[in-house]
Amino acid sequence: RTPWTLRDPAIWAKTHQVGGRAMSLVCAAGFLLILVLPVRTGGMCLLPLVLVAVLFPVLYSYMLYRRKRSGR
């Protein structure tokens, strides 16, 4: 929950849609990594993916907020 997503229900909905897709992709990639790689290596490869999946929706929501605020 960021201040700009709490202010606008449309930004909230779009952010959650994108975040859900990002998390689904990371879960699928993590499942494949764990099947293919040793557990320790797969875990180390999964951490950056999870960080991207968490940070991407925050940046995306801020971009939507700035775009809406500027009138585009």
N, C-alpha and C. Protein backbone atom coordinates (compact mmCIF):
# COMPACT_ATOMS: atom_id res chain seq x y z
N ARG A 1 0.83 -1.17 0.00
CA ARG A 1 0.00 0.00 0.00
C ARG A 1 0.88 1.24 0.00
N THR A 2 0.73 1.98 -1.05
CA THR A 2 1.47 3.23 -1.14
C THR A 2 0.45 4.37 -1.13
N PRO A 3 0.88 5.56 -0.81
CA PRO A 3 -0.08 6.67 -0.74
C PRO A 3 -0.81 6.91 -2.06
N TRP A 4 -0.12 6.76 -3.19
CA TRP A 4 -0.77 7.03 -4.46
C TRP A 4 -1.74 5.93 -4.87
N THR A 5 -1.53 4.70 -4.43
CA THR A 5 -2.52 3.67 -4.75
C THR A 5 -3.73 3.77 -3.84
N LEU A 6 -3.54 4.24 -2.64
CA LEU A 6 -4.67 4.40 -1.73
C LEU A 6 -5.57 5.55 -2.14
N ARG A 7 -5.04 6.53 -2.83
CA ARG A 7 -5.83 7.69 -3.27
C ARG A 7 -6.71 7.40 -4.46
N ASP A 8 -6.35 6.43 -5.28
CA ASP A 8 -7.06 6.21 -6.54
C ASP A 8 -7.41 4.74 -6.74
N PRO A 9 -8.70 4.40 -6.71
CA PRO A 9 -9.10 3.00 -6.88
C PRO A 9 -8.70 2.40 -8.23
N ALA A 10 -8.64 3.20 -9.28
CA ALA A 10 -8.25 2.68 -10.60
C ALA A 10 -6.78 2.27 -10.60
N ILE A 11 -5.93 3.08 -10.00
CA ILE A 11 -4.51 2.75 -9.90
C ILE A 11 -4.33 1.53 -9.02
N TRP A 12 -5.10 1.45 -7.95
CA TRP A 12 -5.05 0.29 -7.05
C TRP A 12 -5.36 -0.99 -7.83
N ALA A 13 -6.42 -0.97 -8.62
CA ALA A 13 -6.85 -2.16 -9.37
C ALA A 13 -5.81 -2.56 -10.42
N LYS A 14 -5.30 -1.58 -11.17
CA LYS A 14 -4.29 -1.88 -12.19
C LYS A 14 -3.01 -2.43 -11.57
N THR A 15 -2.61 -1.85 -10.46
CA THR A 15 -1.40 -2.30 -9.78
C THR A 15 -1.55 -3.74 -9.30
N HIS A 16 -2.70 -4.06 -8.74
CA HIS A 16 -2.90 -5.42 -8.25
C HIS A 16 -2.97 -6.43 -9.39
N GLN A 17 -3.50 -6.01 -10.51
CA GLN A 17 -3.56 -6.89 -11.67
C GLN A 17 -2.13 -7.20 -12.16
N VAL A 18 -1.33 -6.18 -12.29
CA VAL A 18 0.06 -6.36 -12.73
C VAL A 18 0.86 -7.13 -11.68
N GLY A 19 0.66 -6.82 -10.42
CA GLY A 19 1.37 -7.52 -9.36
C GLY A 19 1.02 -8.99 -9.31
N GLY A 20 -0.25 -9.32 -9.53
CA GLY A 20 -0.66 -10.72 -9.55
C GLY A 20 0.00 -11.48 -10.69
N ARG A 21 0.08 -10.87 -11.83
CA ARG A 21 0.74 -11.51 -12.97
C ARG A 21 2.24 -11.69 -12.70
N ALA A 22 2.85 -10.68 -12.13
CA ALA A 22 4.29 -10.77 -11.82
C ALA A 22 4.55 -11.89 -10.83
N MET A 23 3.74 -11.98 -9.81
CA MET A 23 3.92 -13.05 -8.82
C MET A 23 3.68 -14.43 -9.42
N SER A 24 2.69 -14.53 -10.30
CA SER A 24 2.42 -15.81 -10.96
C SER A 24 3.61 -16.25 -11.81
N LEU A 25 4.20 -15.31 -12.54
CA LEU A 25 5.37 -15.63 -13.34
C LEU A 25 6.55 -16.06 -12.48
N VAL A 26 6.76 -15.36 -11.37
CA VAL A 26 7.86 -15.71 -10.48
C VAL A 26 7.64 -17.09 -9.86
N CYS A 27 6.40 -17.39 -9.50
CA CYS A 27 6.11 -18.72 -8.94
C CYS A 27 6.39 -19.81 -9.96
N ALA A 28 5.98 -19.60 -11.19
CA ALA A 28 6.23 -20.59 -12.24
C ALA A 28 7.73 -20.74 -12.50
N ALA A 29 8.44 -19.62 -12.56
CA ALA A 29 9.88 -19.66 -12.77
C ALA A 29 10.58 -20.34 -11.59
N GLY A 30 10.13 -20.03 -10.39
CA GLY A 30 10.72 -20.65 -9.21
C GLY A 30 10.51 -22.15 -9.19
N PHE A 31 9.33 -22.59 -9.57
CA PHE A 31 9.05 -24.02 -9.64
C PHE A 31 9.99 -24.70 -10.63
N LEU A 32 10.17 -24.08 -11.78
CA LEU A 32 11.07 -24.65 -12.78
C LEU A 32 12.53 -24.63 -12.30
N LEU A 33 12.93 -23.55 -11.66
CA LEU A 33 14.31 -23.47 -11.15
C LEU A 33 14.58 -24.55 -10.12
N ILE A 34 13.62 -24.78 -9.24
CA ILE A 34 13.82 -25.78 -8.20
C ILE A 34 13.87 -27.18 -8.80
N LEU A 35 13.13 -27.40 -9.87
CA LEU A 35 13.18 -28.71 -10.53
C LEU A 35 14.49 -28.94 -11.26
N VAL A 36 15.05 -27.90 -11.85
CA VAL A 36 16.22 -28.04 -12.71
C VAL A 36 17.53 -27.88 -11.93
N LEU A 37 17.58 -26.92 -11.04
CA LEU A 37 18.83 -26.61 -10.34
C LEU A 37 18.84 -27.24 -8.94
N PRO A 38 20.02 -27.36 -8.36
CA PRO A 38 20.08 -27.77 -6.94
C PRO A 38 19.37 -26.74 -6.07
N VAL A 39 18.90 -27.17 -4.92
CA VAL A 39 18.08 -26.32 -4.06
C VAL A 39 18.77 -25.01 -3.72
N ARG A 40 20.00 -25.06 -3.33
CA ARG A 40 20.72 -23.84 -2.93
C ARG A 40 20.86 -22.87 -4.10
N THR A 41 21.24 -23.37 -5.25
CA THR A 41 21.40 -22.53 -6.43
C THR A 41 20.06 -21.99 -6.89
N GLY A 42 19.04 -22.83 -6.89
CA GLY A 42 17.70 -22.39 -7.28
C GLY A 42 17.18 -21.30 -6.37
N GLY A 43 17.44 -21.45 -5.07
CA GLY A 43 17.01 -20.43 -4.11
C GLY A 43 17.71 -19.11 -4.32
N MET A 44 19.00 -19.18 -4.63
CA MET A 44 19.75 -17.94 -4.87
C MET A 44 19.31 -17.26 -6.16
N CYS A 45 18.88 -18.04 -7.14
CA CYS A 45 18.38 -17.46 -8.39
C CYS A 45 16.97 -16.91 -8.22
N LEU A 46 16.23 -17.49 -7.29
CA LEU A 46 14.85 -17.08 -7.09
C LEU A 46 14.74 -15.74 -6.35
N LEU A 47 15.65 -15.46 -5.47
CA LEU A 47 15.58 -14.22 -4.68
C LEU A 47 15.53 -12.96 -5.55
N PRO A 48 16.39 -12.79 -6.55
CA PRO A 48 16.28 -11.59 -7.40
C PRO A 48 14.95 -11.53 -8.15
N LEU A 49 14.43 -12.68 -8.55
CA LEU A 49 13.13 -12.68 -9.23
C LEU A 49 12.02 -12.20 -8.31
N VAL A 50 12.05 -12.63 -7.07
CA VAL A 50 11.04 -12.20 -6.10
C VAL A 50 11.16 -10.70 -5.85
N LEU A 51 12.38 -10.20 -5.73
CA LEU A 51 12.57 -8.77 -5.52
C LEU A 51 12.01 -7.95 -6.69
N VAL A 52 12.24 -8.41 -7.90
CA VAL A 52 11.70 -7.73 -9.07
C VAL A 52 10.18 -7.78 -9.05
N ALA A 53 9.61 -8.94 -8.71
CA ALA A 53 8.15 -9.08 -8.68
C ALA A 53 7.52 -8.20 -7.61
N VAL A 54 8.24 -7.91 -6.56
CA VAL A 54 7.72 -7.05 -5.49
C VAL A 54 7.89 -5.58 -5.84
N LEU A 55 9.05 -5.22 -6.39
CA LEU A 55 9.33 -3.81 -6.67
C LEU A 55 8.66 -3.31 -7.95
N PHE A 56 8.49 -4.16 -8.94
CA PHE A 56 7.91 -3.73 -10.20
C PHE A 56 6.51 -3.13 -10.03
N PRO A 57 5.59 -3.76 -9.29
CA PRO A 57 4.26 -3.15 -9.13
C PRO A 57 4.30 -1.79 -8.42
N VAL A 58 5.23 -1.62 -7.50
CA VAL A 58 5.35 -0.33 -6.82
C VAL A 58 5.76 0.75 -7.82
N LEU A 59 6.76 0.45 -8.63
CA LEU A 59 7.21 1.41 -9.64
C LEU A 59 6.13 1.65 -10.70
N TYR A 60 5.45 0.59 -11.09
CA TYR A 60 4.37 0.71 -12.07
C TYR A 60 3.25 1.60 -11.53
N SER A 61 2.88 1.41 -10.28
CA SER A 61 1.81 2.23 -9.71
C SER A 61 2.22 3.70 -9.62
N TYR A 62 3.48 3.94 -9.30
CA TYR A 62 3.95 5.33 -9.25
C TYR A 62 3.93 5.96 -10.63
N MET A 63 4.32 5.17 -11.63
CA MET A 63 4.28 5.67 -13.01
C MET A 63 2.84 6.02 -13.42
N LEU A 64 1.88 5.16 -13.08
CA LEU A 64 0.48 5.45 -13.38
C LEU A 64 0.01 6.72 -12.67
N TYR A 65 0.39 6.85 -11.42
CA TYR A 65 0.02 8.03 -10.64
C TYR A 65 0.59 9.31 -11.26
N ARG A 66 1.86 9.28 -11.61
CA ARG A 66 2.49 10.47 -12.21
C ARG A 66 1.85 10.82 -13.55
N ARG A 67 1.55 9.78 -14.34
CA ARG A 67 0.93 10.00 -15.65
C ARG A 67 -0.46 10.61 -15.49
N LYS A 68 -1.23 10.09 -14.53
CA LYS A 68 -2.58 10.61 -14.31
C LYS A 68 -2.53 12.03 -13.76
N ARG A 69 -1.58 12.29 -12.87
CA ARG A 69 -1.44 13.62 -12.27
C ARG A 69 -1.02 14.65 -13.29
N SER A 70 -0.22 14.25 -14.28
CA SER A 70 0.24 15.20 -15.29
C SER A 70 -0.82 15.42 -16.38
N GLY A 71 -1.85 14.58 -16.39
CA GLY A 71 -2.95 14.80 -17.34
C GLY A 71 -2.83 14.03 -18.63
N ARG A 72 -1.92 13.08 -18.72
CA ARG A 72 -1.78 12.29 -19.96
C ARG A 72 -2.79 11.19 -20.02
